[in-house]
C-alpha atoms as a PDB file:
ATOM      1  CA  MET A   1     102.258  26.856  14.591  1.00  0.00           C
ATOM      2  CA  LYS A   2     101.784  30.245  13.066  1.00  0.00           C
ATOM      3  CA  ALA A   3     100.354  30.779   9.598  1.00  0.00           C
ATOM      4  CA  LYS A   4     100.060  34.016   7.602  1.00  0.00           C
ATOM      5  CA  LEU A   5      97.361  34.762   4.978  1.00  0.00           C
ATOM      6  CA  PHE A   6      97.971  36.834   1.983  1.00  0.00           C
ATOM      7  CA  SER A   7      94.752  37.921   0.099  1.00  0.00           C
ATOM      8  CA  PRO A   8      95.781  39.745  -3.060  1.00  0.00           C
ATOM      9  CA  ALA A   9      93.502  41.199  -5.586  1.00  0.00           C
ATOM     10  CA  ALA A  10      93.674  40.497  -9.339  1.00  0.00           C
ATOM     11  CA  THR A  11      97.474  40.216 -10.271  1.00  0.00           C
ATOM     12  CA  GLU A  12      98.777  40.570 -13.658  1.00  0.00           C
ATOM     13  CA  THR A  13     100.403  37.297 -14.573  1.00  0.00           C
ATOM     14  CA  ASP A  14     100.285  34.476 -17.174  1.00  0.00           C
ATOM     15  CA  PHE A  15      97.372  33.151 -15.301  1.00  0.00           C
ATOM     16  CA  GLY A  16      94.822  35.281 -17.199  1.00  0.00           C
ATOM     17  CA  LYS A  17      95.864  33.599 -20.388  1.00  0.00           C
ATOM     18  CA  VAL A  18      95.728  30.155 -19.044  1.00  0.00           C
ATOM     19  CA  ALA A  19      92.459  30.419 -17.231  1.00  0.00           C
ATOM     20  CA  ASN A  20      90.872  31.830 -20.334  1.00  0.00           C
ATOM     21  CA  ASP A  21      92.721  29.575 -22.800  1.00  0.00           C
ATOM     22  CA  VAL A  22      93.848  32.470 -24.934  1.00  0.00           C
ATOM     23  CA  ASP A  23      97.203  33.559 -26.440  1.00  0.00           C
ATOM     24  CA  THR A  24      97.014  37.198 -25.050  1.00  0.00           C
ATOM     25  CA  TYR A  25      95.141  38.510 -22.108  1.00  0.00           C
ATOM     26  CA  ASP A  26      94.534  42.325 -21.500  1.00  0.00           C
ATOM     27  CA  TYR A  27      94.274  43.110 -17.794  1.00  0.00           C
ATOM     28  CA  ASP A  28      93.555  46.630 -18.624  1.00  0.00           C
ATOM     29  CA  ALA A  29      90.472  45.588 -20.550  1.00  0.00           C
ATOM     30  CA  ALA A  30      89.345  42.993 -18.184  1.00  0.00           C
ATOM     31  CA  PHE A  31      89.942  44.932 -14.842  1.00  0.00           C
ATOM     32  CA  GLY A  32      90.518  48.510 -15.697  1.00  0.00           C
ATOM     33  CA  ASP A  33      92.760  49.910 -12.878  1.00  0.00           C
ATOM     34  CA  SER A  34      91.600  47.323 -10.350  1.00  0.00           C
ATOM     35  CA  TYR A  35      94.630  44.976 -10.598  1.00  0.00           C
ATOM     36  CA  PHE A  36      98.242  44.798  -9.459  1.00  0.00           C
ATOM     37  CA  THR A  37     101.529  43.868 -11.120  1.00  0.00           C
ATOM     38  CA  SER A  38     103.328  40.954  -9.900  1.00  0.00           C
ATOM     39  CA  GLU A  39     105.989  43.134  -8.474  1.00  0.00           C
ATOM     40  CA  GLN A  40     103.252  45.085  -6.314  1.00  0.00           C
ATOM     41  CA  SER A  41     101.964  41.757  -5.078  1.00  0.00           C
ATOM     42  CA  ALA A  42     105.403  40.480  -4.288  1.00  0.00           C
ATOM     43  CA  THR A  43     106.163  43.677  -2.346  1.00  0.00           C
ATOM     44  CA  TYR A  44     102.939  43.337  -0.173  1.00  0.00           C
ATOM     45  CA  LEU A  45     103.707  39.592   0.277  1.00  0.00           C
ATOM     46  CA  LEU A  46     107.304  40.547   1.776  1.00  0.00           C
ATOM     47  CA  GLN A  47     105.641  43.194   3.940  1.00  0.00           C
ATOM     48  CA  LEU A  48     103.513  40.597   5.498  1.00  0.00           C
ATOM     49  CA  PHE A  49     106.239  38.036   5.716  1.00  0.00           C
ATOM     50  CA  HIS A  50     108.713  40.289   7.430  1.00  0.00           C
ATOM     51  CA  ASP A  51     105.898  41.809   9.954  1.00  0.00           C
ATOM     52  CA  ASP A  52     105.920  40.099  13.279  1.00  0.00           C
ATOM     53  CA  ASP A  53     102.869  41.702  14.668  1.00  0.00           C
ATOM     54  CA  HIS A  54     100.266  40.874  11.912  1.00  0.00           C
ATOM     55  CA  ILE A  55      99.122  37.471  10.331  1.00  0.00           C
ATOM     56  CA  VAL A  56      96.733  38.773   7.629  1.00  0.00           C
ATOM     57  CA  GLY A  57      97.547  40.789   4.552  1.00  0.00           C
ATOM     58  CA  ALA A  58      94.451  41.878   2.486  1.00  0.00           C
ATOM     59  CA  ILE A  59      93.695  44.316  -0.242  1.00  0.00           C
ATOM     60  CA  ASP A  60      90.637  46.598   0.279  1.00  0.00           C
ATOM     61  CA  ARG A  61      88.411  46.075  -2.609  1.00  0.00           C
ATOM     62  CA  GLU A  62      87.194  49.718  -2.656  1.00  0.00           C
ATOM     63  CA  THR A  63      90.401  51.499  -2.150  1.00  0.00           C
ATOM     64  CA  PHE A  64      92.882  48.849  -3.341  1.00  0.00           C
ATOM     65  CA  ALA A  65      94.896  49.716  -0.259  1.00  0.00           C
ATOM     66  CA  PHE A  66      97.007  46.990   1.308  1.00  0.00           C
ATOM     67  CA  LYS A  67      96.317  46.292   4.914  1.00  0.00           C
ATOM     68  CA  LEU A  68      98.132  44.122   7.501  1.00  0.00           C
ATOM     69  CA  SER A  69      95.880  43.001  10.306  1.00  0.00           C
ATOM     70  CA  GLN A  70      95.424  40.482  13.177  1.00  0.00           C
ATOM     71  CA  ASN A  71      92.981  37.617  13.294  1.00  0.00           C
ATOM     72  CA  VAL A  72      89.891  38.178  11.230  1.00  0.00           C
ATOM     73  CA  PHE A  73      88.042  35.857  13.664  1.00  0.00           C
ATOM     74  CA  PRO A  74      89.253  36.173  17.148  1.00  0.00           C
ATOM     75  CA  TYR A  75      90.134  33.160  19.292  1.00  0.00           C
ATOM     76  CA  ALA A  76      86.847  31.691  20.543  1.00  0.00           C
ATOM     77  CA  GLY A  77      88.340  30.504  23.793  1.00  0.00           C
ATOM     78  CA  ASP A  78      85.423  29.603  26.146  1.00  0.00           C
ATOM     79  CA  SER A  79      82.781  31.112  24.003  1.00  0.00           C
ATOM     80  CA  GLY A  80      79.195  29.706  24.316  1.00  0.00           C
ATOM     81  CA  ARG A  81      79.315  29.108  20.688  1.00  0.00           C
ATOM     82  CA  ASN A  82      81.838  26.350  20.914  1.00  0.00           C
ATOM     83  CA  GLN A  83      80.831  22.603  20.869  1.00  0.00           C
ATOM     84  CA  VAL A  84      79.782  21.013  24.123  1.00  0.00           C
ATOM     85  CA  ILE A  85      81.906  18.170  25.120  1.00  0.00           C
ATOM     86  CA  GLU A  86      80.459  16.020  27.805  1.00  0.00           C
END
Protein backbone atom coordinates (compact mmCIF):
# COMPACT_ATOMS: atom_id res chain seq x y z
CA MET A 1 0.00 0.00 0.00
CA LYS A 2 1.24 3.47 -0.81
CA ALA A 3 -0.17 6.69 0.61
CA LYS A 4 0.74 10.25 -0.19
CA LEU A 5 0.45 13.19 2.17
CA PHE A 6 -0.38 16.73 1.06
CA SER A 7 0.14 19.39 3.69
CA PRO A 8 -1.07 22.73 2.32
CA ALA A 9 -0.91 26.07 4.04
CA ALA A 10 -3.99 28.24 4.46
CA THR A 11 -6.04 28.01 1.27
CA GLU A 12 -8.63 30.54 0.14
CA THR A 13 -11.93 28.65 0.10
CA ASP A 14 -15.39 29.02 1.60
CA PHE A 15 -14.05 27.24 4.69
CA GLY A 16 -13.07 30.60 6.23
CA LYS A 17 -16.72 31.69 6.22
CA VAL A 18 -18.00 28.37 7.53
CA ALA A 19 -15.38 27.98 10.26
CA ASN A 20 -15.96 31.53 11.51
CA ASP A 21 -19.75 31.49 10.98
CA VAL A 22 -19.72 34.71 8.94
CA ASP A 23 -21.16 35.78 5.57
CA THR A 24 -17.85 37.14 4.26
CA TYR A 25 -14.25 36.29 5.09
CA ASP A 26 -11.23 38.37 4.05
CA TYR A 27 -8.20 36.12 3.59
CA ASP A 28 -5.97 39.16 2.97
CA ALA A 29 -6.91 40.62 6.36
CA ALA A 30 -6.62 37.28 8.13
CA PHE A 31 -3.41 35.96 6.53
CA GLY A 32 -1.76 38.84 4.64
CA ASP A 33 0.13 37.19 1.80
CA SER A 34 0.49 33.88 3.68
CA TYR A 35 -2.20 31.85 1.93
CA PHE A 36 -2.80 30.15 -1.40
CA THR A 37 -5.67 30.20 -3.83
CA SER A 38 -7.59 26.99 -4.44
CA GLU A 39 -6.00 26.84 -7.89
CA GLN A 40 -2.46 27.02 -6.45
CA SER A 41 -3.22 24.25 -3.94
CA ALA A 42 -4.74 22.11 -6.70
CA THR A 43 -1.60 22.56 -8.82
CA TYR A 44 0.61 21.41 -5.92
CA LEU A 45 -1.65 18.44 -5.21
CA LEU A 46 -1.46 17.36 -8.86
CA GLN A 47 2.35 17.65 -8.78
CA LEU A 48 2.44 15.30 -5.79
CA PHE A 49 -0.10 12.91 -7.32
CA HIS A 50 1.81 12.58 -10.60
CA ASP A 51 5.29 12.31 -9.02
CA ASP A 52 6.35 8.66 -8.59
CA ASP A 53 9.45 9.42 -6.50
CA HIS A 54 7.95 11.42 -3.64
CA ILE A 55 5.20 10.71 -1.11
CA VAL A 56 5.04 13.96 0.87
CA GLY A 57 4.10 17.41 -0.42
CA ALA A 58 4.46 20.24 2.09
CA ILE A 59 4.53 24.01 2.20
CA ASP A 60 7.52 25.62 3.93
CA ARG A 61 5.99 28.03 6.48
CA GLU A 62 8.82 30.55 6.11
CA THR A 63 9.23 30.73 2.33
CA PHE A 64 5.84 29.38 1.22
CA ALA A 65 7.66 27.19 -1.27
CA PHE A 66 6.12 23.82 -2.15
CA LYS A 67 8.46 20.89 -1.54
CA LEU A 68 8.16 17.26 -2.55
CA SER A 69 10.02 14.82 -0.31
CA GLN A 70 10.36 11.24 0.81
CA ASN A 71 9.33 9.91 4.20
CA VAL A 72 9.53 12.37 7.05
CA PHE A 73 10.25 9.48 9.41
CA PRO A 74 12.43 6.82 7.79
CA TYR A 75 11.47 3.17 8.04
CA ALA A 76 12.45 1.89 11.50
CA GLY A 77 13.42 -1.60 10.33
CA ASP A 78 15.41 -3.27 13.09
CA SER A 79 15.85 -0.13 15.17
CA GLY A 80 16.49 -0.60 18.88
CA ARG A 81 13.57 1.78 19.42
CA ASN A 82 11.03 -0.76 18.18
CA GLN A 83 8.89 -2.80 20.56
CA VAL A 84 10.37 -5.99 21.90
CA ILE A 85 8.40 -9.11 21.04
CA GLU A 86 9.30 -12.18 23.05
